Amino acid sequence: LTANDNMPLSFQSKFQAEGANCVSLSNVFFGLNVEKQMATSAKIAANNAIYASVIEMMKDGQQIFKNDPATKRLFTFSRMISVYVGEGSASLRGRIVNDLNLPVEGATVTSMDQKYKATSNAKGQYRIGRISEGSYVFTVACPGYAPVDLLIDLTAGTAGIANVTLASVMKKAA
């Protein structure tokens, strides 16, 4: 590594130190990837075991309640999923106008928990999809207008409608 004595004297030791550091970091990197793959495999195995257990439980329920159709229907995988996830989601849509009944573009409609949000288009229209069933407070806000709070109850499988009129906070000069 001296290249006909053209290399600095410190080059060889620096090269070896950097090479050793590279090997060390590579070992750490590949070790982490192996751990990640093992963790993923463990998660998949656990998920499959849970699924198999639930399916067996559903089969048992189907057999136990074979003469009771209403209860038997409760022991299906799709029913368990709906209990866990919910029967579906709701949506919210509407139109935002100003006190002259003109559309307000760029108004934001935001749930209090910040989980759901939309912005009105040039026609003042907005839409929020995939909202979990429940009661929500939404704030409608836009610069130059007083914000409006809306209490909205949403039911799964329905589309709520909330049209809003925003009042201008701009004062006219005389």
N, C-alpha and C. Protein backbone atom coordinates (compact mmCIF):
# COMPACT_ATOMS: atom_id res chain seq x y z
N LEU A 1 0.80 -1.21 0.00
CA LEU A 1 0.00 0.00 0.00
C LEU A 1 0.85 1.27 0.00
N THR A 2 2.08 1.13 -0.23
CA THR A 2 2.90 2.34 -0.22
C THR A 2 3.01 2.96 -1.60
N ALA A 3 2.63 2.26 -2.67
CA ALA A 3 2.64 2.77 -4.05
C ALA A 3 3.93 3.49 -4.38
N ASN A 4 4.98 2.71 -4.40
CA ASN A 4 6.30 3.28 -4.73
C ASN A 4 6.69 4.43 -3.82
N ASP A 5 6.36 4.31 -2.57
CA ASP A 5 6.67 5.33 -1.57
C ASP A 5 6.02 6.68 -1.85
N ASN A 6 4.90 6.69 -2.60
CA ASN A 6 4.18 7.94 -2.87
C ASN A 6 3.08 8.21 -1.85
N MET A 7 2.72 7.23 -1.06
CA MET A 7 1.65 7.39 -0.08
C MET A 7 2.22 7.97 1.20
N PRO A 8 1.41 8.76 1.89
CA PRO A 8 1.85 9.26 3.20
C PRO A 8 2.09 8.09 4.15
N LEU A 9 2.95 8.28 5.10
CA LEU A 9 3.29 7.22 6.04
C LEU A 9 2.06 6.76 6.85
N SER A 10 1.15 7.64 7.10
CA SER A 10 -0.03 7.30 7.90
C SER A 10 -1.11 6.57 7.10
N PHE A 11 -0.96 6.50 5.78
CA PHE A 11 -2.01 5.93 4.94
C PHE A 11 -2.31 4.48 5.27
N GLN A 12 -1.29 3.66 5.39
CA GLN A 12 -1.51 2.23 5.61
C GLN A 12 -2.25 1.99 6.92
N SER A 13 -1.87 2.65 7.98
CA SER A 13 -2.55 2.42 9.26
C SER A 13 -3.98 2.98 9.23
N LYS A 14 -4.13 4.13 8.57
CA LYS A 14 -5.48 4.71 8.46
C LYS A 14 -6.37 3.79 7.61
N PHE A 15 -5.84 3.26 6.51
CA PHE A 15 -6.58 2.37 5.63
C PHE A 15 -7.02 1.11 6.38
N GLN A 16 -6.11 0.55 7.16
CA GLN A 16 -6.43 -0.66 7.92
C GLN A 16 -7.48 -0.37 9.00
N ALA A 17 -7.38 0.79 9.66
CA ALA A 17 -8.34 1.16 10.70
C ALA A 17 -9.73 1.38 10.09
N GLU A 18 -9.77 2.09 8.96
CA GLU A 18 -11.06 2.32 8.30
C GLU A 18 -11.65 1.02 7.77
N GLY A 19 -10.80 0.14 7.27
CA GLY A 19 -11.27 -1.16 6.80
C GLY A 19 -11.85 -1.98 7.94
N ALA A 20 -11.17 -1.98 9.09
CA ALA A 20 -11.67 -2.72 10.26
C ALA A 20 -13.01 -2.12 10.73
N ASN A 21 -13.12 -0.80 10.70
CA ASN A 21 -14.36 -0.12 11.08
C ASN A 21 -15.49 -0.50 10.11
N CYS A 22 -15.20 -0.56 8.83
CA CYS A 22 -16.18 -0.94 7.81
C CYS A 22 -16.67 -2.37 8.06
N VAL A 23 -15.76 -3.28 8.33
CA VAL A 23 -16.13 -4.67 8.60
C VAL A 23 -17.00 -4.73 9.85
N SER A 24 -16.63 -3.98 10.88
CA SER A 24 -17.39 -3.97 12.13
C SER A 24 -18.80 -3.45 11.89
N LEU A 25 -18.92 -2.33 11.18
CA LEU A 25 -20.25 -1.76 10.90
C LEU A 25 -21.08 -2.70 10.02
N SER A 26 -20.44 -3.36 9.07
CA SER A 26 -21.14 -4.31 8.21
C SER A 26 -21.70 -5.46 9.03
N ASN A 27 -20.92 -5.95 9.99
CA ASN A 27 -21.39 -7.04 10.86
C ASN A 27 -22.60 -6.60 11.67
N VAL A 28 -22.56 -5.37 12.18
CA VAL A 28 -23.70 -4.84 12.94
C VAL A 28 -24.92 -4.75 12.03
N PHE A 29 -24.72 -4.19 10.83
CA PHE A 29 -25.82 -4.02 9.88
C PHE A 29 -26.45 -5.36 9.53
N PHE A 30 -25.65 -6.33 9.16
CA PHE A 30 -26.19 -7.63 8.77
C PHE A 30 -26.80 -8.36 9.96
N GLY A 31 -26.25 -8.14 11.14
CA GLY A 31 -26.83 -8.73 12.35
C GLY A 31 -28.22 -8.18 12.61
N LEU A 32 -28.39 -6.86 12.42
CA LEU A 32 -29.70 -6.25 12.62
C LEU A 32 -30.70 -6.77 11.60
N ASN A 33 -30.28 -6.93 10.36
CA ASN A 33 -31.18 -7.46 9.34
C ASN A 33 -31.63 -8.87 9.68
N VAL A 34 -30.72 -9.68 10.20
CA VAL A 34 -31.09 -11.05 10.59
C VAL A 34 -32.09 -11.00 11.74
N GLU A 35 -31.84 -10.11 12.73
CA GLU A 35 -32.78 -9.97 13.85
C GLU A 35 -34.14 -9.51 13.35
N LYS A 36 -34.16 -8.58 12.42
CA LYS A 36 -35.42 -8.08 11.86
C LYS A 36 -36.17 -9.20 11.15
N GLN A 37 -35.45 -10.00 10.37
CA GLN A 37 -36.09 -11.12 9.68
C GLN A 37 -36.64 -12.14 10.67
N MET A 38 -35.88 -12.38 11.75
CA MET A 38 -36.34 -13.34 12.76
C MET A 38 -37.58 -12.79 13.47
N ALA A 39 -37.59 -11.49 13.77
CA ALA A 39 -38.75 -10.89 14.42
C ALA A 39 -39.97 -10.96 13.51
N THR A 40 -39.78 -10.70 12.23
CA THR A 40 -40.88 -10.80 11.28
C THR A 40 -41.40 -12.22 11.21
N SER A 41 -40.51 -13.18 11.17
CA SER A 41 -40.93 -14.59 11.15
C SER A 41 -41.69 -14.94 12.41
N ALA A 42 -41.25 -14.44 13.55
CA ALA A 42 -41.93 -14.72 14.82
C ALA A 42 -43.33 -14.10 14.81
N LYS A 43 -43.46 -12.89 14.27
CA LYS A 43 -44.77 -12.24 14.20
C LYS A 43 -45.70 -13.02 13.28
N ILE A 44 -45.21 -13.47 12.16
CA ILE A 44 -46.02 -14.24 11.23
C ILE A 44 -46.47 -15.54 11.88
N ALA A 45 -45.55 -16.22 12.56
CA ALA A 45 -45.89 -17.48 13.24
C ALA A 45 -46.95 -17.24 14.32
N ALA A 46 -46.81 -16.16 15.10
CA ALA A 46 -47.78 -15.84 16.14
C ALA A 46 -49.14 -15.52 15.53
N ASN A 47 -49.13 -14.75 14.47
CA ASN A 47 -50.38 -14.41 13.78
C ASN A 47 -51.08 -15.66 13.26
N ASN A 48 -50.31 -16.55 12.66
CA ASN A 48 -50.89 -17.79 12.14
C ASN A 48 -51.45 -18.67 13.26
N ALA A 49 -50.75 -18.70 14.39
CA ALA A 49 -51.23 -19.49 15.53
C ALA A 49 -52.53 -18.92 16.09
N ILE A 50 -52.60 -17.60 16.18
CA ILE A 50 -53.83 -16.95 16.67
C ILE A 50 -54.97 -17.25 15.72
N TYR A 51 -54.72 -17.10 14.42
CA TYR A 51 -55.75 -17.37 13.42
C TYR A 51 -56.25 -18.81 13.54
N ALA A 52 -55.34 -19.76 13.64
CA ALA A 52 -55.73 -21.17 13.75
C ALA A 52 -56.57 -21.40 15.00
N SER A 53 -56.18 -20.76 16.10
CA SER A 53 -56.92 -20.90 17.35
C SER A 53 -58.33 -20.33 17.24
N VAL A 54 -58.44 -19.16 16.63
CA VAL A 54 -59.75 -18.53 16.45
C VAL A 54 -60.63 -19.39 15.55
N ILE A 55 -60.07 -19.90 14.48
CA ILE A 55 -60.85 -20.75 13.56
C ILE A 55 -61.36 -21.98 14.31
N GLU A 56 -60.53 -22.61 15.13
CA GLU A 56 -60.97 -23.77 15.91
C GLU A 56 -62.09 -23.38 16.87
N MET A 57 -61.95 -22.22 17.49
CA MET A 57 -62.97 -21.75 18.40
C MET A 57 -64.29 -21.52 17.65
N MET A 58 -64.19 -20.95 16.43
CA MET A 58 -65.39 -20.74 15.62
C MET A 58 -66.05 -22.07 15.25
N LYS A 59 -65.24 -23.06 14.89
CA LYS A 59 -65.78 -24.38 14.56
C LYS A 59 -66.50 -24.98 15.76
N ASP A 60 -65.89 -24.84 16.95
CA ASP A 60 -66.53 -25.36 18.17
C ASP A 60 -67.88 -24.67 18.39
N GLY A 61 -67.90 -23.35 18.27
CA GLY A 61 -69.14 -22.60 18.45
C GLY A 61 -70.20 -23.00 17.44
N GLN A 62 -69.78 -23.21 16.19
CA GLN A 62 -70.71 -23.65 15.15
C GLN A 62 -71.32 -25.01 15.52
N GLN A 63 -70.50 -25.90 16.05
CA GLN A 63 -70.98 -27.24 16.42
C GLN A 63 -71.88 -27.18 17.65
N ILE A 64 -71.44 -26.43 18.66
CA ILE A 64 -72.22 -26.36 19.91
C ILE A 64 -73.60 -25.76 19.66
N PHE A 65 -73.67 -24.73 18.81
CA PHE A 65 -74.93 -24.03 18.58
C PHE A 65 -75.56 -24.38 17.22
N LYS A 66 -75.33 -25.60 16.75
CA LYS A 66 -75.84 -26.01 15.43
C LYS A 66 -77.36 -25.95 15.35
N ASN A 67 -78.06 -26.06 16.49
CA ASN A 67 -79.52 -26.02 16.50
C ASN A 67 -80.07 -24.64 16.86
N ASP A 68 -79.19 -23.66 17.01
CA ASP A 68 -79.60 -22.29 17.35
C ASP A 68 -79.00 -21.34 16.31
N PRO A 69 -79.69 -21.15 15.17
CA PRO A 69 -79.12 -20.38 14.06
C PRO A 69 -78.67 -18.96 14.44
N ALA A 70 -79.41 -18.30 15.32
CA ALA A 70 -79.04 -16.92 15.69
C ALA A 70 -77.69 -16.88 16.42
N THR A 71 -77.49 -17.80 17.34
CA THR A 71 -76.23 -17.85 18.07
C THR A 71 -75.12 -18.43 17.20
N LYS A 72 -75.44 -19.41 16.41
CA LYS A 72 -74.45 -20.03 15.52
C LYS A 72 -73.84 -18.98 14.60
N ARG A 73 -74.67 -18.04 14.14
CA ARG A 73 -74.20 -16.99 13.22
C ARG A 73 -73.13 -16.11 13.88
N LEU A 74 -73.12 -16.04 15.19
CA LEU A 74 -72.11 -15.25 15.91
C LEU A 74 -70.72 -15.87 15.81
N PHE A 75 -70.65 -17.15 15.53
CA PHE A 75 -69.37 -17.87 15.49
C PHE A 75 -68.86 -18.00 14.06
N THR A 76 -68.68 -16.86 13.41
CA THR A 76 -68.07 -16.82 12.08
C THR A 76 -66.92 -15.82 12.12
N PHE A 77 -65.95 -16.06 11.28
CA PHE A 77 -64.77 -15.19 11.27
C PHE A 77 -65.15 -13.76 10.88
N SER A 78 -66.03 -13.62 9.91
CA SER A 78 -66.44 -12.27 9.48
C SER A 78 -67.13 -11.53 10.62
N ARG A 79 -67.91 -12.24 11.44
CA ARG A 79 -68.56 -11.61 12.59
C ARG A 79 -67.52 -11.14 13.60
N MET A 80 -66.50 -11.95 13.87
CA MET A 80 -65.44 -11.55 14.81
C MET A 80 -64.70 -10.31 14.30
N ILE A 81 -64.44 -10.28 13.00
CA ILE A 81 -63.76 -9.13 12.42
C ILE A 81 -64.62 -7.88 12.59
N SER A 82 -65.92 -7.99 12.33
CA SER A 82 -66.78 -6.81 12.45
C SER A 82 -66.85 -6.32 13.89
N VAL A 83 -66.80 -7.23 14.86
CA VAL A 83 -66.79 -6.82 16.27
C VAL A 83 -65.51 -6.05 16.58
N TYR A 84 -64.40 -6.52 16.05
CA TYR A 84 -63.12 -5.89 16.33
C TYR A 84 -62.95 -4.58 15.57
N VAL A 85 -63.26 -4.58 14.29
CA VAL A 85 -63.02 -3.42 13.44
C VAL A 85 -64.21 -2.48 13.41
N GLY A 86 -65.39 -2.99 13.57
CA GLY A 86 -66.60 -2.20 13.44
C GLY A 86 -67.34 -2.62 12.19
N GLU A 87 -68.59 -2.30 12.13
CA GLU A 87 -69.42 -2.73 11.01
C GLU A 87 -69.08 -1.98 9.73
N GLY A 88 -68.35 -0.94 9.82
CA GLY A 88 -68.02 -0.15 8.64
C GLY A 88 -67.64 1.24 9.07
N SER A 89 -67.56 2.11 8.12
CA SER A 89 -67.19 3.47 8.46
C SER A 89 -68.22 4.43 7.89
N ALA A 90 -68.13 5.65 8.33
CA ALA A 90 -69.01 6.70 7.88
C ALA A 90 -68.19 7.71 7.09
N SER A 91 -68.88 8.70 6.56
CA SER A 91 -68.18 9.78 5.89
C SER A 91 -68.90 11.08 6.21
N LEU A 92 -68.24 12.18 5.91
CA LEU A 92 -68.81 13.50 6.15
C LEU A 92 -68.50 14.35 4.93
N ARG A 93 -69.52 15.05 4.46
CA ARG A 93 -69.31 15.93 3.31
C ARG A 93 -70.17 17.16 3.49
N GLY A 94 -69.87 18.17 2.70
CA GLY A 94 -70.67 19.38 2.78
C GLY A 94 -70.09 20.48 1.92
N ARG A 95 -70.67 21.65 2.09
CA ARG A 95 -70.25 22.82 1.33
C ARG A 95 -70.06 23.97 2.30
N ILE A 96 -69.00 24.73 2.08
CA ILE A 96 -68.69 25.86 2.94
C ILE A 96 -68.84 27.13 2.11
N VAL A 97 -69.68 28.05 2.60
CA VAL A 97 -69.91 29.32 1.92
C VAL A 97 -69.68 30.46 2.90
N ASN A 98 -69.54 31.66 2.34
CA ASN A 98 -69.42 32.84 3.21
C ASN A 98 -70.79 33.46 3.41
N ASP A 99 -70.85 34.58 4.12
CA ASP A 99 -72.14 35.20 4.42
C ASP A 99 -72.81 35.81 3.18
N LEU A 100 -72.14 35.83 2.03
CA LEU A 100 -72.73 36.25 0.75
C LEU A 100 -73.15 35.03 -0.08
N ASN A 101 -73.09 33.85 0.54
CA ASN A 101 -73.41 32.56 -0.09
C ASN A 101 -72.45 32.21 -1.24
N LEU A 102 -71.23 32.72 -1.18
CA LEU A 102 -70.20 32.38 -2.16
C LEU A 102 -69.32 31.27 -1.58
N PRO A 103 -68.85 30.34 -2.42
CA PRO A 103 -68.03 29.25 -1.91
C PRO A 103 -66.73 29.75 -1.30
N VAL A 104 -66.30 29.08 -0.22
CA VAL A 104 -65.04 29.41 0.44
C VAL A 104 -64.06 28.29 0.12
N GLU A 105 -63.03 28.63 -0.64
CA GLU A 105 -61.99 27.66 -1.00
C GLU A 105 -60.89 27.70 0.05
N GLY A 106 -60.36 26.54 0.39
CA GLY A 106 -59.22 26.45 1.31
C GLY A 106 -59.60 26.42 2.78
N ALA A 107 -60.89 26.30 3.07
CA ALA A 107 -61.30 26.16 4.47
C ALA A 107 -60.97 24.75 4.93
N THR A 108 -60.51 24.61 6.16
CA THR A 108 -60.19 23.28 6.69
C THR A 108 -61.30 22.81 7.62
N VAL A 109 -61.60 21.53 7.53
CA VAL A 109 -62.56 20.88 8.40
C VAL A 109 -61.76 19.81 9.14
N THR A 110 -61.57 20.01 10.45
CA THR A 110 -60.68 19.15 11.22
C THR A 110 -61.37 18.65 12.48
N SER A 111 -61.27 17.34 12.74
CA SER A 111 -61.82 16.81 13.99
C SER A 111 -60.96 17.27 15.15
N MET A 112 -61.58 17.37 16.31
CA MET A 112 -60.87 17.87 17.49
C MET A 112 -59.61 17.03 17.79
N ASP A 113 -59.68 15.72 17.55
CA ASP A 113 -58.53 14.85 17.81
C ASP A 113 -57.51 14.86 16.67
N GLN A 114 -57.75 15.69 15.65
CA GLN A 114 -56.84 15.85 14.50
C GLN A 114 -56.75 14.59 13.63
N LYS A 115 -57.61 13.62 13.86
CA LYS A 115 -57.55 12.36 13.13
C LYS A 115 -58.15 12.48 11.73
N TYR A 116 -59.15 13.34 11.58
CA TYR A 116 -59.85 13.48 10.31
C TYR A 116 -59.77 14.93 9.84
N LYS A 117 -59.47 15.10 8.54
CA LYS A 117 -59.27 16.46 8.04
C LYS A 117 -59.56 16.53 6.55
N ALA A 118 -60.11 17.66 6.11
CA ALA A 118 -60.34 17.91 4.68
C ALA A 118 -60.19 19.41 4.43
N THR A 119 -60.01 19.76 3.18
CA THR A 119 -59.92 21.15 2.76
C THR A 119 -60.92 21.37 1.64
N SER A 120 -61.64 22.48 1.71
CA SER A 120 -62.66 22.75 0.70
C SER A 120 -62.02 23.14 -0.63
N ASN A 121 -62.70 22.74 -1.72
CA ASN A 121 -62.20 23.04 -3.06
C ASN A 121 -62.77 24.39 -3.54
N ALA A 122 -62.58 24.71 -4.81
CA ALA A 122 -63.02 25.99 -5.37
C ALA A 122 -64.53 26.16 -5.30
N LYS A 123 -65.27 25.05 -5.22
CA LYS A 123 -66.72 25.13 -5.10
C LYS A 123 -67.17 25.15 -3.65
N GLY A 124 -66.20 25.15 -2.72
CA GLY A 124 -66.51 25.14 -1.30
C GLY A 124 -66.84 23.76 -0.76
N GLN A 125 -66.67 22.73 -1.57
CA GLN A 125 -67.03 21.38 -1.17
C GLN A 125 -65.86 20.67 -0.47
N TYR A 126 -66.21 19.81 0.48
CA TYR A 126 -65.21 18.99 1.16
C TYR A 126 -65.80 17.62 1.39
N ARG A 127 -64.94 16.66 1.63
CA ARG A 127 -65.37 15.29 1.94
C ARG A 127 -64.30 14.61 2.78
N ILE A 128 -64.75 13.93 3.83
CA ILE A 128 -63.87 13.12 4.67
C ILE A 128 -64.45 11.71 4.67
N GLY A 129 -63.66 10.74 4.27
CA GLY A 129 -64.12 9.36 4.22
C GLY A 129 -63.50 8.54 5.33
N ARG A 130 -64.04 7.34 5.49
CA ARG A 130 -63.51 6.35 6.43
C ARG A 130 -63.41 6.88 7.86
N ILE A 131 -64.50 7.42 8.36
CA ILE A 131 -64.57 7.91 9.73
C ILE A 131 -65.22 6.84 10.58
N SER A 132 -64.63 6.53 11.71
CA SER A 132 -65.23 5.56 12.63
C SER A 132 -66.53 6.12 13.20
N GLU A 133 -67.46 5.22 13.44
CA GLU A 133 -68.74 5.62 14.01
C GLU A 133 -68.52 6.31 15.35
N GLY A 134 -69.30 7.37 15.61
CA GLY A 134 -69.19 8.04 16.89
C GLY A 134 -69.58 9.51 16.79
N SER A 135 -69.40 10.21 17.91
CA SER A 135 -69.68 11.64 17.99
C SER A 135 -68.37 12.40 17.89
N TYR A 136 -68.37 13.45 17.09
CA TYR A 136 -67.15 14.21 16.85
C TYR A 136 -67.45 15.71 16.90
N VAL A 137 -66.43 16.46 17.30
CA VAL A 137 -66.47 17.91 17.15
C VAL A 137 -65.49 18.24 16.04
N PHE A 138 -66.02 18.89 14.99
CA PHE A 138 -65.20 19.34 13.87
C PHE A 138 -65.12 20.85 13.92
N THR A 139 -63.95 21.40 13.62
CA THR A 139 -63.77 22.83 13.52
C THR A 139 -63.57 23.19 12.05
N VAL A 140 -64.36 24.16 11.60
CA VAL A 140 -64.23 24.67 10.24
C VAL A 140 -63.55 26.02 10.37
N ALA A 141 -62.38 26.16 9.70
CA ALA A 141 -61.60 27.38 9.85
C ALA A 141 -61.02 27.81 8.51
N CYS A 142 -60.90 29.11 8.35
CA CYS A 142 -60.28 29.68 7.16
C CYS A 142 -59.83 31.10 7.52
N PRO A 143 -58.62 31.49 7.11
CA PRO A 143 -58.17 32.86 7.41
C PRO A 143 -59.18 33.89 6.89
N GLY A 144 -59.46 34.88 7.73
CA GLY A 144 -60.41 35.93 7.37
C GLY A 144 -61.83 35.64 7.81
N TYR A 145 -62.07 34.46 8.38
CA TYR A 145 -63.40 34.07 8.82
C TYR A 145 -63.35 33.57 10.26
N ALA A 146 -64.46 33.76 10.97
CA ALA A 146 -64.57 33.23 12.33
C ALA A 146 -64.74 31.71 12.25
N PRO A 147 -63.97 30.95 13.05
CA PRO A 147 -64.11 29.49 13.01
C PRO A 147 -65.47 29.05 13.56
N VAL A 148 -65.90 27.89 13.08
CA VAL A 148 -67.18 27.32 13.51
C VAL A 148 -66.92 25.90 14.00
N ASP A 149 -67.48 25.57 15.19
CA ASP A 149 -67.39 24.22 15.71
C ASP A 149 -68.71 23.51 15.45
N LEU A 150 -68.60 22.24 15.02
CA LEU A 150 -69.78 21.43 14.72
C LEU A 150 -69.73 20.15 15.54
N LEU A 151 -70.83 19.82 16.21
CA LEU A 151 -70.94 18.53 16.88
C LEU A 151 -71.71 17.62 15.94
N ILE A 152 -71.07 16.52 15.53
CA ILE A 152 -71.68 15.64 14.54
C ILE A 152 -71.65 14.21 15.03
N ASP A 153 -72.81 13.54 14.94
CA ASP A 153 -72.92 12.11 15.26
C ASP A 153 -72.92 11.35 13.94
N LEU A 154 -72.01 10.39 13.81
CA LEU A 154 -71.89 9.62 12.58
C LEU A 154 -72.17 8.16 12.86
N THR A 155 -72.91 7.55 11.96
CA THR A 155 -73.27 6.14 12.05
C THR A 155 -72.57 5.39 10.93
N ALA A 156 -72.04 4.23 11.24
CA ALA A 156 -71.35 3.43 10.23
C ALA A 156 -72.27 3.17 9.04
N GLY A 157 -71.69 3.26 7.86
CA GLY A 157 -72.44 3.00 6.65
C GLY A 157 -73.24 4.18 6.15
N THR A 158 -73.09 5.34 6.78
CA THR A 158 -73.85 6.51 6.35
C THR A 158 -72.90 7.64 5.98
N ALA A 159 -73.46 8.61 5.25
CA ALA A 159 -72.72 9.81 4.87
C ALA A 159 -73.38 11.00 5.56
N GLY A 160 -72.67 11.59 6.51
CA GLY A 160 -73.18 12.78 7.17
C GLY A 160 -72.97 14.00 6.27
N ILE A 161 -73.87 14.96 6.41
CA ILE A 161 -73.77 16.19 5.62
C ILE A 161 -73.74 17.36 6.58
N ALA A 162 -72.74 18.23 6.40
CA ALA A 162 -72.63 19.43 7.24
C ALA A 162 -72.23 20.60 6.34
N ASN A 163 -73.24 21.40 5.99
CA ASN A 163 -72.99 22.63 5.24
C ASN A 163 -72.76 23.75 6.23
N VAL A 164 -71.80 24.62 5.93
CA VAL A 164 -71.40 25.64 6.90
C VAL A 164 -71.33 27.01 6.22
N THR A 165 -71.81 28.02 6.95
CA THR A 165 -71.64 29.40 6.51
C THR A 165 -70.65 30.06 7.45
N LEU A 166 -69.55 30.56 6.88
CA LEU A 166 -68.53 31.24 7.67
C LEU A 166 -68.77 32.75 7.62
N ALA A 167 -68.66 33.39 8.78
CA ALA A 167 -68.82 34.84 8.87
C ALA A 167 -67.46 35.50 8.75
N SER A 168 -67.38 36.51 7.91
CA SER A 168 -66.13 37.24 7.70
C SER A 168 -65.79 38.04 8.94
N VAL A 169 -64.52 38.07 9.28
CA VAL A 169 -64.07 38.88 10.42
C VAL A 169 -63.42 40.16 9.91
N MET A 170 -63.41 40.36 8.60
CA MET A 170 -62.84 41.57 8.01
C MET A 170 -63.83 42.71 8.21
N LYS A 171 -63.34 43.86 8.58
CA LYS A 171 -64.17 45.05 8.76
C LYS A 171 -64.09 45.90 7.50
N LYS A 172 -65.24 46.39 7.07
CA LYS A 172 -65.25 47.25 5.90
C LYS A 172 -64.84 48.66 6.32
N ALA A 173 -63.97 49.26 5.53
CA ALA A 173 -63.55 50.63 5.80
C ALA A 173 -64.59 51.57 5.22
N ALA A 174 -64.95 52.61 5.97
CA ALA A 174 -65.98 53.55 5.52
C ALA A 174 -65.39 54.60 4.62
